[in-house]
Each structure stands twice: as structure tokens, then as C-alpha cells.
Amino acid sequence: MHELEYDADPEAGSARSLGEDVVGLIVPDITNPFFAQLAKHIEMEAALRGIMVMLSNSHEDPAIERKQIKAMYDRSISGIIVVSTSDASLPFSTDIPIVSVDRRYGSYPLVTTDQWHGSGMLAEHLHGLGHRHMAYIAGPLETEVARQRRDGFVARVEALSRPEDPIEMTVQSGPFDSETGEAIGREILLSVRKGGRITAIATSCDQQAIGVLRCARDLGVHVPQDVSVIGFDDIAMASLVVPRLTTLRQPIEDLASGALERVLSETGFTTDYAIRGSLVIRESTAPPSEWS
């Protein structure tokens, strides 16, 4: 087991008191639109409280993430918000508050959207439209958030499926990016072009869904006439692509304020805080075609 680092130097503790108006924020990939939006809202919320934010990008690397946390600790800040790289993140113990958001970091308390419930809402929406042949593109399964989204979708599909009205479903996984959506989407959409039965593709993030939309356009598969596509996050691009994307909106303002409230708290929080998202219905989903 990796040994925890801990700085018990009292002089270091005294220096840290100089940074009570600064919190650290570490994200895995600042080019990811969701993390960029999250960072923006955390910074805006912090400004309202007279707090500055020191932002770092871990590049999805647990070793870099750990070095950044130590560097922030040494820079005299009052707390750190971490969106972890994966379950393989390397633990770091400090005497300042650490809060994880969206993706869990070690054993620190997590502020998150209710991933399970949100993915279940996607399944319910597609089922309500009449889809009985679905594909699901999961995120990287080494992350808790990807497993929760996948499991929430699968569990709801299984609960809705009946012997007299069964639902068929396939599940594949890959990184949270548009390239994954395009690559896996191509396999699915080529089968649709050849008469395959899949009528709806659900994804674990909007970037994957946008990749599917891009691939559908290239292959001449019409969305939602030939296949419905649904995402998760509601990044800004979701309302700009064509067709506009149906998705699960994460309550990003509440995530930002919840994380800051906890990292700045004098009494401390030790439990997770989950917030339910909301379904945003746009043009990328519709009932399956009569000949599907």
C-alpha cells in the first residue's frame, strides 16, 4: 500500500494561515467541457465569497495529481477541491480540508450528481418513447462515476423490461471523449445501416454523444429518425449541435457551491452530498420508426 505523506511541520502550518483566502482546484482535463464549466462556476462562487482559486490540471495522471496536491499544500492554501483521475488516485493526507467533486478522491467526502438516478432517467425516457433495442456507451470503468452511470442505466432497463415486452441492450465502454463516441458509434450505426435493430444509443457523457452524432452524419444515418441519441452532463455544446442533444443536466452551480461550502467549513463535513440532475429533452430523441 502506498504510504501517505503528511506534513506536520508547525512552521508550515503557520505559513498556511497566510492563504486563508485561496483554495486549490485540481481537474483531470481542463479541455473537457464539463470540467471547464465546473471550474468556471467554482471560481465564480469563490469570488462571491472573496476567495481566490488556484487551478491545476492533472492530465488524468494519478502521480501528477498527487504532486499537485502536495504543491498546493506547500503554497499556504486553506483547502483543496479535487476531481480525481480515477480510483487509482494516490492518497495524500493533510491537515487542511480536501473535498472531492464529481469523481471521488480517496476517502475524502464527495459532492456529486446522483449518477445512478440520472442514468435511470435516461433509460426511462427512451423506454417511454417506445425504444426496446438500445445500446449504452459507458465511460472508463476504472472510475466510480462511470460504473455508477452504467449500473444506473442497466438497472433501470432491467426493471422496465418485461417478458411480454422485453428490452434488448448492449453495453460497451471507453474514455469520456468524442473519439470514443465516434468509434463505438460507428460499429453500432453500421449495423443500423444494415438493418440492425438498435433504435437508441445512450452515452455516459455529452462528448461521447456528440461523437455519435458526428459519425451518424458521416454515415448518412439520421438522428432521431433512424436512431435516437442521448447524453449526460448538458455541456454548452449540447444545445448547439444539430440535432440539439437530449441529455441529463448536472446541477453544476449546486455542485460548485456545495464543494466550496464544504472545503471552507470550519466544522468540517465527512459525508457525501449527492444532488439530483434533470432531464433536458431536445431534438436528438424521438419514438422509433415504424419499420424499426
C-alpha atoms as a PDB file:
ATOM      1  CA  MET A   1       0.000   0.000   0.000  1.00  0.00           C
ATOM      2  CA  HIS A   2       1.284   3.460  -0.863  1.00  0.00           C
ATOM      3  CA  GLU A   3       2.467   5.314   2.218  1.00  0.00           C
ATOM      4  CA  LEU A   4       0.613   8.540   2.961  1.00  0.00           C
ATOM      5  CA  GLU A   5       2.502  11.813   3.038  1.00  0.00           C
ATOM      6  CA  TYR A   6       1.800  14.102   5.952  1.00  0.00           C
ATOM      7  CA  ASP A   7       3.416  17.444   6.722  1.00  0.00           C
ATOM      8  CA  ALA A   8       3.291  18.015  10.462  1.00  0.00           C
ATOM      9  CA  ASP A   9       5.772  20.890  10.469  1.00  0.00           C
ATOM     10  CA  PRO A  10       4.260  23.577  12.772  1.00  0.00           C
ATOM     11  CA  GLU A  11       6.045  26.325  10.845  1.00  0.00           C
ATOM     12  CA  ALA A  12       4.411  25.082   7.658  1.00  0.00           C
ATOM     13  CA  GLY A  13       1.090  25.249   9.461  1.00  0.00           C
ATOM     14  CA  SER A  14       1.753  28.836  10.413  1.00  0.00           C
ATOM     15  CA  ALA A  15       2.594  29.715   6.834  1.00  0.00           C
ATOM     16  CA  ARG A  16      -0.616  28.186   5.648  1.00  0.00           C
ATOM     17  CA  SER A  17      -2.599  30.650   7.727  1.00  0.00           C
ATOM     18  CA  LEU A  18      -1.478  33.299   5.240  1.00  0.00           C
ATOM     19  CA  GLY A  19      -3.521  31.654   2.483  1.00  0.00           C
ATOM     20  CA  GLU A  20      -6.956  31.587   4.018  1.00  0.00           C
ATOM     21  CA  ASP A  21      -8.380  33.417   1.003  1.00  0.00           C
ATOM     22  CA  VAL A  22      -7.156  30.805  -1.533  1.00  0.00           C
ATOM     23  CA  VAL A  23      -8.484  27.347  -2.347  1.00  0.00           C
ATOM     24  CA  GLY A  24      -6.989  24.881  -4.783  1.00  0.00           C
ATOM     25  CA  LEU A  25      -8.874  23.149  -7.590  1.00  0.00           C
ATOM     26  CA  ILE A  26      -7.462  20.146  -9.452  1.00  0.00           C
ATOM     27  CA  VAL A  27      -9.259  18.743 -12.509  1.00  0.00           C
ATOM     28  CA  PRO A  28      -8.207  15.793 -14.692  1.00  0.00           C
ATOM     29  CA  ASP A  29      -8.557  17.539 -18.054  1.00  0.00           C
ATOM     30  CA  ILE A  30      -9.346  21.228 -18.411  1.00  0.00           C
ATOM     31  CA  THR A  31     -10.111  20.710 -22.128  1.00  0.00           C
ATOM     32  CA  ASN A  32     -13.094  18.576 -21.093  1.00  0.00           C
ATOM     33  CA  PRO A  33     -16.043  20.989 -21.432  1.00  0.00           C
ATOM     34  CA  PHE A  34     -17.723  19.761 -18.253  1.00  0.00           C
ATOM     35  CA  PHE A  35     -14.613  20.326 -16.120  1.00  0.00           C
ATOM     36  CA  ALA A  36     -14.113  23.730 -17.723  1.00  0.00           C
ATOM     37  CA  GLN A  37     -17.691  24.699 -16.812  1.00  0.00           C
ATOM     38  CA  LEU A  38     -17.252  23.313 -13.306  1.00  0.00           C
ATOM     39  CA  ALA A  39     -14.032  25.307 -12.813  1.00  0.00           C
ATOM     40  CA  LYS A  40     -15.761  28.455 -14.053  1.00  0.00           C
ATOM     41  CA  HIS A  41     -18.647  28.071 -11.594  1.00  0.00           C
ATOM     42  CA  ILE A  42     -16.336  27.253  -8.686  1.00  0.00           C
ATOM     43  CA  GLU A  43     -14.307  30.374  -9.463  1.00  0.00           C
ATOM     44  CA  MET A  44     -17.472  32.493  -9.727  1.00  0.00           C
ATOM     45  CA  GLU A  45     -18.828  31.133  -6.450  1.00  0.00           C
ATOM     46  CA  ALA A  46     -15.474  31.660  -4.764  1.00  0.00           C
ATOM     47  CA  ALA A  47     -15.323  35.277  -5.944  1.00  0.00           C
ATOM     48  CA  LEU A  48     -18.673  35.947  -4.279  1.00  0.00           C
ATOM     49  CA  ARG A  49     -17.089  34.763  -1.033  1.00  0.00           C
ATOM     50  CA  GLY A  50     -13.911  36.820  -1.504  1.00  0.00           C
ATOM     51  CA  ILE A  51     -11.877  33.696  -2.230  1.00  0.00           C
ATOM     52  CA  MET A  52      -9.342  33.110  -4.996  1.00  0.00           C
ATOM     53  CA  VAL A  53      -8.960  29.765  -6.816  1.00  0.00           C
ATOM     54  CA  MET A  54      -5.642  28.179  -7.763  1.00  0.00           C
ATOM     55  CA  LEU A  55      -6.351  25.847 -10.710  1.00  0.00           C
ATOM     56  CA  SER A  56      -4.249  22.836 -11.772  1.00  0.00           C
ATOM     57  CA  ASN A  57      -4.708  20.185 -14.453  1.00  0.00           C
ATOM     58  CA  SER A  58      -3.629  16.641 -13.541  1.00  0.00           C
ATOM     59  CA  HIS A  59      -3.760  15.354 -17.139  1.00  0.00           C
ATOM     60  CA  GLU A  60      -5.551  12.198 -15.912  1.00  0.00           C
ATOM     61  CA  ASP A  61      -2.294  11.126 -14.204  1.00  0.00           C
ATOM     62  CA  PRO A  62      -2.522   9.992 -10.531  1.00  0.00           C
ATOM     63  CA  ALA A  63       1.148  10.780  -9.899  1.00  0.00           C
ATOM     64  CA  ILE A  64       0.818  14.332 -11.234  1.00  0.00           C
ATOM     65  CA  GLU A  65      -2.407  14.762  -9.262  1.00  0.00           C
ATOM     66  CA  ARG A  66      -0.648  13.813  -6.022  1.00  0.00           C
ATOM     67  CA  LYS A  67       2.292  16.153  -6.702  1.00  0.00           C
ATOM     68  CA  GLN A  68      -0.146  18.995  -7.354  1.00  0.00           C
ATOM     69  CA  ILE A  69      -1.962  18.391  -4.084  1.00  0.00           C
ATOM     70  CA  LYS A  70       1.347  18.474  -2.194  1.00  0.00           C
ATOM     71  CA  ALA A  71       2.414  21.626  -4.053  1.00  0.00           C
ATOM     72  CA  MET A  72      -0.856  23.345  -3.167  1.00  0.00           C
ATOM     73  CA  TYR A  73      -0.451  22.278   0.446  1.00  0.00           C
ATOM     74  CA  ASP A  74       3.009  23.816   0.458  1.00  0.00           C
ATOM     75  CA  ARG A  75       1.659  27.039  -1.110  1.00  0.00           C
ATOM     76  CA  SER A  76      -0.280  28.004   2.016  1.00  0.00           C
ATOM     77  CA  ILE A  77      -3.852  27.496   0.801  1.00  0.00           C
ATOM     78  CA  SER A  78      -6.859  26.859   3.010  1.00  0.00           C
ATOM     79  CA  GLY A  79      -8.374  23.841   1.227  1.00  0.00           C
ATOM     80  CA  ILE A  80      -8.382  21.770  -1.945  1.00  0.00           C
ATOM     81  CA  ILE A  81     -11.176  20.611  -4.262  1.00  0.00           C
ATOM     82  CA  VAL A  82     -10.217  17.575  -6.330  1.00  0.00           C
ATOM     83  CA  VAL A  83     -11.851  15.945  -9.344  1.00  0.00           C
ATOM     84  CA  SER A  84      -9.834  12.735  -9.237  1.00  0.00           C
ATOM     85  CA  THR A  85      -8.189  10.985 -12.169  1.00  0.00           C
ATOM     86  CA  SER A  86      -9.577   7.542 -11.288  1.00  0.00           C
ATOM     87  CA  ASP A  87      -9.981   5.031  -8.493  1.00  0.00           C
ATOM     88  CA  ALA A  88      -6.181   4.636  -8.771  1.00  0.00           C
ATOM     89  CA  SER A  89      -5.587   8.138  -7.378  1.00  0.00           C
ATOM     90  CA  LEU A  90      -2.736   8.162  -4.846  1.00  0.00           C
ATOM     91  CA  PRO A  91      -3.887   9.229  -1.358  1.00  0.00           C
ATOM     92  CA  PHE A  92      -2.434  12.302   0.331  1.00  0.00           C
ATOM     93  CA  SER A  93      -3.155  13.178   3.941  1.00  0.00           C
ATOM     94  CA  THR A  94      -3.139  16.793   5.130  1.00  0.00           C
ATOM     95  CA  ASP A  95      -4.378  18.926   7.985  1.00  0.00           C
ATOM     96  CA  ILE A  96      -6.354  21.134   5.570  1.00  0.00           C
ATOM     97  CA  PRO A  97      -9.774  20.240   4.146  1.00  0.00           C
ATOM     98  CA  ILE A  98      -9.933  18.231   0.927  1.00  0.00           C
ATOM     99  CA  VAL A  99     -13.253  17.708  -0.864  1.00  0.00           C
ATOM    100  CA  SER A 100     -13.761  15.631  -3.992  1.00  0.00           C
ATOM    101  CA  VAL A 101     -16.323  16.639  -6.600  1.00  0.00           C
ATOM    102  CA  ASP A 102     -17.852  14.588  -9.438  1.00  0.00           C
ATOM    103  CA  ARG A 103     -15.149  11.893  -9.166  1.00  0.00           C
ATOM    104  CA  ARG A 104     -14.174  10.547  -5.752  1.00  0.00           C
ATOM    105  CA  TYR A 105     -10.662  11.228  -4.468  1.00  0.00           C
ATOM    106  CA  GLY A 106      -9.550   8.636  -1.939  1.00  0.00           C
ATOM    107  CA  SER A 107     -11.754   8.557   1.149  1.00  0.00           C
ATOM    108  CA  TYR A 108     -12.498  12.281   1.131  1.00  0.00           C
ATOM    109  CA  PRO A 109     -16.162  13.376   1.072  1.00  0.00           C
ATOM    110  CA  LEU A 110     -17.706  13.656  -2.383  1.00  0.00           C
ATOM    111  CA  VAL A 111     -20.023  16.289  -3.836  1.00  0.00           C
ATOM    112  CA  THR A 112     -21.693  14.793  -6.882  1.00  0.00           C
ATOM    113  CA  THR A 113     -24.722  14.482  -9.090  1.00  0.00           C
ATOM    114  CA  ASP A 114     -26.772  11.379  -8.307  1.00  0.00           C
ATOM    115  CA  GLN A 115     -25.254   9.418 -11.183  1.00  0.00           C
ATOM    116  CA  TRP A 116     -27.349   6.274 -10.690  1.00  0.00           C
ATOM    117  CA  HIS A 117     -30.650   8.128 -10.645  1.00  0.00           C
ATOM    118  CA  GLY A 118     -29.663  10.348 -13.569  1.00  0.00           C
ATOM    119  CA  SER A 119     -28.797   7.442 -15.839  1.00  0.00           C
ATOM    120  CA  GLY A 120     -32.022   5.748 -14.822  1.00  0.00           C
ATOM    121  CA  MET A 121     -33.886   8.827 -16.077  1.00  0.00           C
ATOM    122  CA  LEU A 122     -32.230   8.401 -19.476  1.00  0.00           C
ATOM    123  CA  ALA A 123     -33.400   4.796 -19.638  1.00  0.00           C
ATOM    124  CA  GLU A 124     -36.934   5.794 -18.621  1.00  0.00           C
ATOM    125  CA  HIS A 125     -37.057   8.494 -21.300  1.00  0.00           C
ATOM    126  CA  LEU A 126     -36.026   6.104 -24.075  1.00  0.00           C
ATOM    127  CA  HIS A 127     -38.401   3.412 -22.827  1.00  0.00           C
ATOM    128  CA  GLY A 128     -41.249   5.908 -22.672  1.00  0.00           C
ATOM    129  CA  LEU A 129     -40.635   6.803 -26.311  1.00  0.00           C
ATOM    130  CA  GLY A 130     -41.004   3.148 -27.228  1.00  0.00           C
ATOM    131  CA  HIS A 131     -37.383   2.056 -27.644  1.00  0.00           C
ATOM    132  CA  ARG A 132     -36.806  -1.634 -26.895  1.00  0.00           C
ATOM    133  CA  HIS A 133     -33.435  -2.127 -28.644  1.00  0.00           C
ATOM    134  CA  MET A 134     -30.790   0.058 -27.012  1.00  0.00           C
ATOM    135  CA  ALA A 135     -27.026   0.443 -26.885  1.00  0.00           C
ATOM    136  CA  TYR A 136     -25.185   2.056 -23.989  1.00  0.00           C
ATOM    137  CA  ILE A 137     -21.688   3.541 -24.212  1.00  0.00           C
ATOM    138  CA  ALA A 138     -20.160   3.621 -20.727  1.00  0.00           C
ATOM    139  CA  GLY A 139     -17.239   5.720 -19.548  1.00  0.00           C
ATOM    140  CA  PRO A 140     -13.888   4.358 -18.336  1.00  0.00           C
ATOM    141  CA  LEU A 141     -14.835   1.682 -15.833  1.00  0.00           C
ATOM    142  CA  GLU A 142     -11.806   2.357 -13.636  1.00  0.00           C
ATOM    143  CA  THR A 143     -13.783   5.383 -12.396  1.00  0.00           C
ATOM    144  CA  GLU A 144     -16.611   5.112  -9.882  1.00  0.00           C
ATOM    145  CA  VAL A 145     -18.664   7.716 -11.751  1.00  0.00           C
ATOM    146  CA  ALA A 146     -18.616   5.655 -14.970  1.00  0.00           C
ATOM    147  CA  ARG A 147     -19.647   2.494 -13.146  1.00  0.00           C
ATOM    148  CA  GLN A 148     -22.486   4.286 -11.375  1.00  0.00           C
ATOM    149  CA  ARG A 149     -23.824   5.747 -14.617  1.00  0.00           C
ATOM    150  CA  ARG A 150     -23.620   2.396 -16.383  1.00  0.00           C
ATOM    151  CA  ASP A 151     -25.153   0.500 -13.471  1.00  0.00           C
ATOM    152  CA  GLY A 152     -27.957   3.037 -13.077  1.00  0.00           C
ATOM    153  CA  PHE A 153     -28.882   2.751 -16.743  1.00  0.00           C
ATOM    154  CA  VAL A 154     -28.654  -1.037 -16.836  1.00  0.00           C
ATOM    155  CA  ALA A 155     -30.610  -1.464 -13.604  1.00  0.00           C
ATOM    156  CA  ARG A 156     -33.450   0.739 -14.840  1.00  0.00           C
ATOM    157  CA  VAL A 157     -33.596  -1.043 -18.198  1.00  0.00           C
ATOM    158  CA  GLU A 158     -33.752  -4.401 -16.416  1.00  0.00           C
ATOM    159  CA  ALA A 159     -36.524  -3.129 -14.143  1.00  0.00           C
ATOM    160  CA  LEU A 160     -38.550  -1.856 -17.119  1.00  0.00           C
ATOM    161  CA  SER A 161     -38.088  -4.988 -19.206  1.00  0.00           C
ATOM    162  CA  ARG A 162     -40.966  -7.476 -19.096  1.00  0.00           C
ATOM    163  CA  PRO A 163     -41.288 -10.990 -20.545  1.00  0.00           C
ATOM    164  CA  GLU A 164     -44.176  -9.772 -22.666  1.00  0.00           C
ATOM    165  CA  ASP A 165     -42.333  -6.542 -23.581  1.00  0.00           C
ATOM    166  CA  PRO A 166     -38.581  -7.207 -23.361  1.00  0.00           C
ATOM    167  CA  ILE A 167     -35.784  -4.707 -23.842  1.00  0.00           C
ATOM    168  CA  GLU A 168     -32.606  -5.756 -25.629  1.00  0.00           C
ATOM    169  CA  MET A 169     -29.442  -3.895 -24.681  1.00  0.00           C
ATOM    170  CA  THR A 170     -25.717  -3.928 -25.469  1.00  0.00           C
ATOM    171  CA  VAL A 171     -23.043  -2.191 -23.399  1.00  0.00           C
ATOM    172  CA  GLN A 172     -19.570  -1.027 -24.430  1.00  0.00           C
ATOM    173  CA  SER A 173     -17.150   1.331 -22.685  1.00  0.00           C
ATOM    174  CA  GLY A 174     -14.321   3.782 -23.321  1.00  0.00           C
ATOM    175  CA  PRO A 175     -12.941   7.167 -22.260  1.00  0.00           C
ATOM    176  CA  PHE A 176     -15.175  10.189 -21.696  1.00  0.00           C
ATOM    177  CA  ASP A 177     -14.484  11.777 -25.094  1.00  0.00           C
ATOM    178  CA  SER A 178     -15.955  12.290 -28.546  1.00  0.00           C
ATOM    179  CA  GLU A 179     -13.460   9.913 -30.144  1.00  0.00           C
ATOM    180  CA  THR A 180     -14.911   7.055 -28.099  1.00  0.00           C
ATOM    181  CA  GLY A 181     -18.437   8.014 -29.125  1.00  0.00           C
ATOM    182  CA  GLU A 182     -17.392   8.149 -32.758  1.00  0.00           C
ATOM    183  CA  ALA A 183     -15.513   4.822 -32.712  1.00  0.00           C
ATOM    184  CA  ILE A 184     -18.097   2.792 -30.817  1.00  0.00           C
ATOM    185  CA  GLY A 185     -20.918   4.655 -32.522  1.00  0.00           C
ATOM    186  CA  ARG A 186     -19.543   3.643 -35.906  1.00  0.00           C
ATOM    187  CA  GLU A 187     -19.849  -0.047 -35.028  1.00  0.00           C
ATOM    188  CA  ILE A 188     -23.420   0.437 -33.868  1.00  0.00           C
ATOM    189  CA  LEU A 189     -24.505   2.714 -36.699  1.00  0.00           C
ATOM    190  CA  LEU A 190     -23.036   0.487 -39.412  1.00  0.00           C
ATOM    191  CA  SER A 191     -25.228  -2.301 -38.082  1.00  0.00           C
ATOM    192  CA  VAL A 192     -28.218   0.083 -38.148  1.00  0.00           C
ATOM    193  CA  ARG A 193     -27.491   0.887 -41.794  1.00  0.00           C
ATOM    194  CA  LYS A 194     -27.520  -2.854 -42.498  1.00  0.00           C
ATOM    195  CA  GLY A 195     -30.899  -3.302 -40.869  1.00  0.00           C
ATOM    196  CA  GLY A 196     -29.776  -3.755 -37.251  1.00  0.00           C
ATOM    197  CA  ARG A 197     -32.429  -3.471 -34.588  1.00  0.00           C
ATOM    198  CA  ILE A 198     -30.855  -0.837 -32.310  1.00  0.00           C
ATOM    199  CA  THR A 199     -33.036   2.273 -32.265  1.00  0.00           C
ATOM    200  CA  ALA A 200     -31.424   4.273 -29.441  1.00  0.00           C
ATOM    201  CA  ILE A 201     -27.892   4.969 -28.237  1.00  0.00           C
ATOM    202  CA  ALA A 202     -27.364   6.260 -24.692  1.00  0.00           C
ATOM    203  CA  THR A 203     -23.972   7.579 -23.646  1.00  0.00           C
ATOM    204  CA  SER A 204     -22.246   8.315 -20.358  1.00  0.00           C
ATOM    205  CA  CYS A 205     -21.355  11.889 -21.343  1.00  0.00           C
ATOM    206  CA  ASP A 206     -22.254  14.524 -23.909  1.00  0.00           C
ATOM    207  CA  GLN A 207     -18.855  14.330 -25.584  1.00  0.00           C
ATOM    208  CA  GLN A 208     -19.468  10.671 -26.431  1.00  0.00           C
ATOM    209  CA  ALA A 209     -22.942  11.555 -27.688  1.00  0.00           C
ATOM    210  CA  ILE A 210     -21.545  14.323 -29.887  1.00  0.00           C
ATOM    211  CA  GLY A 211     -19.087  11.804 -31.322  1.00  0.00           C
ATOM    212  CA  VAL A 212     -22.022   9.531 -32.159  1.00  0.00           C
ATOM    213  CA  LEU A 213     -23.840  12.428 -33.840  1.00  0.00           C
ATOM    214  CA  ARG A 214     -20.773  13.261 -35.908  1.00  0.00           C
ATOM    215  CA  CYS A 215     -20.411   9.642 -37.003  1.00  0.00           C
ATOM    216  CA  ALA A 216     -24.120   9.391 -37.854  1.00  0.00           C
ATOM    217  CA  ARG A 217     -23.814  12.420 -40.102  1.00  0.00           C
ATOM    218  CA  ASP A 218     -20.799  10.904 -41.865  1.00  0.00           C
ATOM    219  CA  LEU A 219     -22.595   7.584 -42.404  1.00  0.00           C
ATOM    220  CA  GLY A 220     -25.868   9.115 -43.532  1.00  0.00           C
ATOM    221  CA  VAL A 221     -27.777   7.813 -40.514  1.00  0.00           C
ATOM    222  CA  HIS A 222     -30.481  10.287 -39.489  1.00  0.00           C
ATOM    223  CA  VAL A 223     -30.934  11.301 -35.856  1.00  0.00           C
ATOM    224  CA  PRO A 224     -33.522  10.847 -34.445  1.00  0.00           C
ATOM    225  CA  GLN A 225     -35.397   9.351 -37.424  1.00  0.00           C
ATOM    226  CA  ASP A 226     -33.162   6.267 -37.705  1.00  0.00           C
ATOM    227  CA  VAL A 227     -31.705   6.223 -34.203  1.00  0.00           C
ATOM    228  CA  SER A 228     -32.125   8.350 -31.068  1.00  0.00           C
ATOM    229  CA  VAL A 229     -29.054   9.623 -29.206  1.00  0.00           C
ATOM    230  CA  ILE A 230     -28.952  10.792 -25.593  1.00  0.00           C
ATOM    231  CA  GLY A 231     -26.125  12.195 -23.447  1.00  0.00           C
ATOM    232  CA  PHE A 232     -25.213  13.066 -19.862  1.00  0.00           C
ATOM    233  CA  ASP A 233     -23.894  16.404 -18.458  1.00  0.00           C
ATOM    234  CA  ASP A 234     -25.572  19.137 -20.574  1.00  0.00           C
ATOM    235  CA  ILE A 235     -22.365  20.892 -21.560  1.00  0.00           C
ATOM    236  CA  ALA A 236     -22.800  24.129 -23.520  1.00  0.00           C
ATOM    237  CA  MET A 237     -22.239  22.327 -26.837  1.00  0.00           C
ATOM    238  CA  ALA A 238     -25.269  20.074 -26.217  1.00  0.00           C
ATOM    239  CA  SER A 239     -27.631  22.875 -27.210  1.00  0.00           C
ATOM    240  CA  LEU A 240     -25.543  23.906 -30.223  1.00  0.00           C
ATOM    241  CA  VAL A 241     -25.054  20.637 -32.125  1.00  0.00           C
ATOM    242  CA  VAL A 242     -27.533  19.511 -34.779  1.00  0.00           C
ATOM    243  CA  PRO A 243     -29.821  17.981 -33.773  1.00  0.00           C
ATOM    244  CA  ARG A 244     -29.700  19.540 -30.336  1.00  0.00           C
ATOM    245  CA  LEU A 245     -28.893  16.888 -27.759  1.00  0.00           C
ATOM    246  CA  THR A 246     -31.285  15.390 -25.240  1.00  0.00           C
ATOM    247  CA  THR A 247     -29.253  14.920 -22.063  1.00  0.00           C
ATOM    248  CA  LEU A 248     -29.140  14.755 -18.271  1.00  0.00           C
ATOM    249  CA  ARG A 249     -28.267  18.188 -16.890  1.00  0.00           C
ATOM    250  CA  GLN A 250     -25.847  18.130 -13.994  1.00  0.00           C
ATOM    251  CA  PRO A 251     -26.667  20.838 -11.387  1.00  0.00           C
ATOM    252  CA  ILE A 252     -23.263  22.437 -11.871  1.00  0.00           C
ATOM    253  CA  GLU A 253     -23.980  25.584  -9.845  1.00  0.00           C
ATOM    254  CA  ASP A 254     -25.063  23.472  -6.865  1.00  0.00           C
ATOM    255  CA  LEU A 255     -22.009  21.231  -7.245  1.00  0.00           C
ATOM    256  CA  ALA A 256     -19.755  24.287  -7.186  1.00  0.00           C
ATOM    257  CA  SER A 257     -21.398  25.896  -4.163  1.00  0.00           C
ATOM    258  CA  GLY A 258     -21.621  22.564  -2.313  1.00  0.00           C
ATOM    259  CA  ALA A 259     -17.930  21.846  -2.823  1.00  0.00           C
ATOM    260  CA  LEU A 260     -16.891  25.331  -1.695  1.00  0.00           C
ATOM    261  CA  GLU A 261     -19.173  25.269   1.325  1.00  0.00           C
ATOM    262  CA  ARG A 262     -17.547  22.053   2.470  1.00  0.00           C
ATOM    263  CA  VAL A 263     -13.944  22.947   1.782  1.00  0.00           C
ATOM    264  CA  LEU A 264     -14.340  26.302   3.572  1.00  0.00           C
ATOM    265  CA  SER A 265     -16.326  24.938   6.520  1.00  0.00           C
ATOM    266  CA  GLU A 266     -14.809  25.423   9.973  1.00  0.00           C
ATOM    267  CA  THR A 267     -16.687  22.437  11.392  1.00  0.00           C
ATOM    268  CA  GLY A 268     -15.965  20.048   8.512  1.00  0.00           C
ATOM    269  CA  PHE A 269     -18.100  17.636   6.519  1.00  0.00           C
ATOM    270  CA  THR A 270     -17.458  13.911   6.475  1.00  0.00           C
ATOM    271  CA  THR A 271     -20.366  12.588   4.408  1.00  0.00           C
ATOM    272  CA  ASP A 272     -21.062  12.594   0.686  1.00  0.00           C
ATOM    273  CA  TYR A 273     -23.549  15.014  -0.839  1.00  0.00           C
ATOM    274  CA  ALA A 274     -25.498  13.866  -3.901  1.00  0.00           C
ATOM    275  CA  ILE A 275     -27.740  16.185  -5.930  1.00  0.00           C
ATOM    276  CA  ARG A 276     -30.261  15.004  -8.498  1.00  0.00           C
ATOM    277  CA  GLY A 277     -29.940  16.185 -12.066  1.00  0.00           C
ATOM    278  CA  SER A 278     -32.735  16.991 -14.508  1.00  0.00           C
ATOM    279  CA  LEU A 279     -33.631  15.623 -17.937  1.00  0.00           C
ATOM    280  CA  VAL A 280     -33.381  18.129 -20.797  1.00  0.00           C
ATOM    281  CA  ILE A 281     -35.369  16.923 -23.800  1.00  0.00           C
ATOM    282  CA  ARG A 282     -34.260  18.260 -27.170  1.00  0.00           C
ATOM    283  CA  GLU A 283     -34.377  17.046 -30.775  1.00  0.00           C
ATOM    284  CA  SER A 284     -31.990  14.058 -30.694  1.00  0.00           C
ATOM    285  CA  THR A 285     -34.569  11.636 -29.272  1.00  0.00           C
ATOM    286  CA  ALA A 286     -37.923  10.549 -30.707  1.00  0.00           C
ATOM    287  CA  PRO A 287     -40.072   7.412 -30.927  1.00  0.00           C
ATOM    288  CA  PRO A 288     -38.529   4.659 -33.080  1.00  0.00           C
ATOM    289  CA  SER A 289     -39.542   4.496 -36.721  1.00  0.00           C
ATOM    290  CA  GLU A 290     -42.435   2.208 -37.506  1.00  0.00           C
ATOM    291  CA  TRP A 291     -40.181  -0.106 -39.538  1.00  0.00           C
ATOM    292  CA  SER A 292     -37.501  -0.420 -36.793  1.00  0.00           C
END
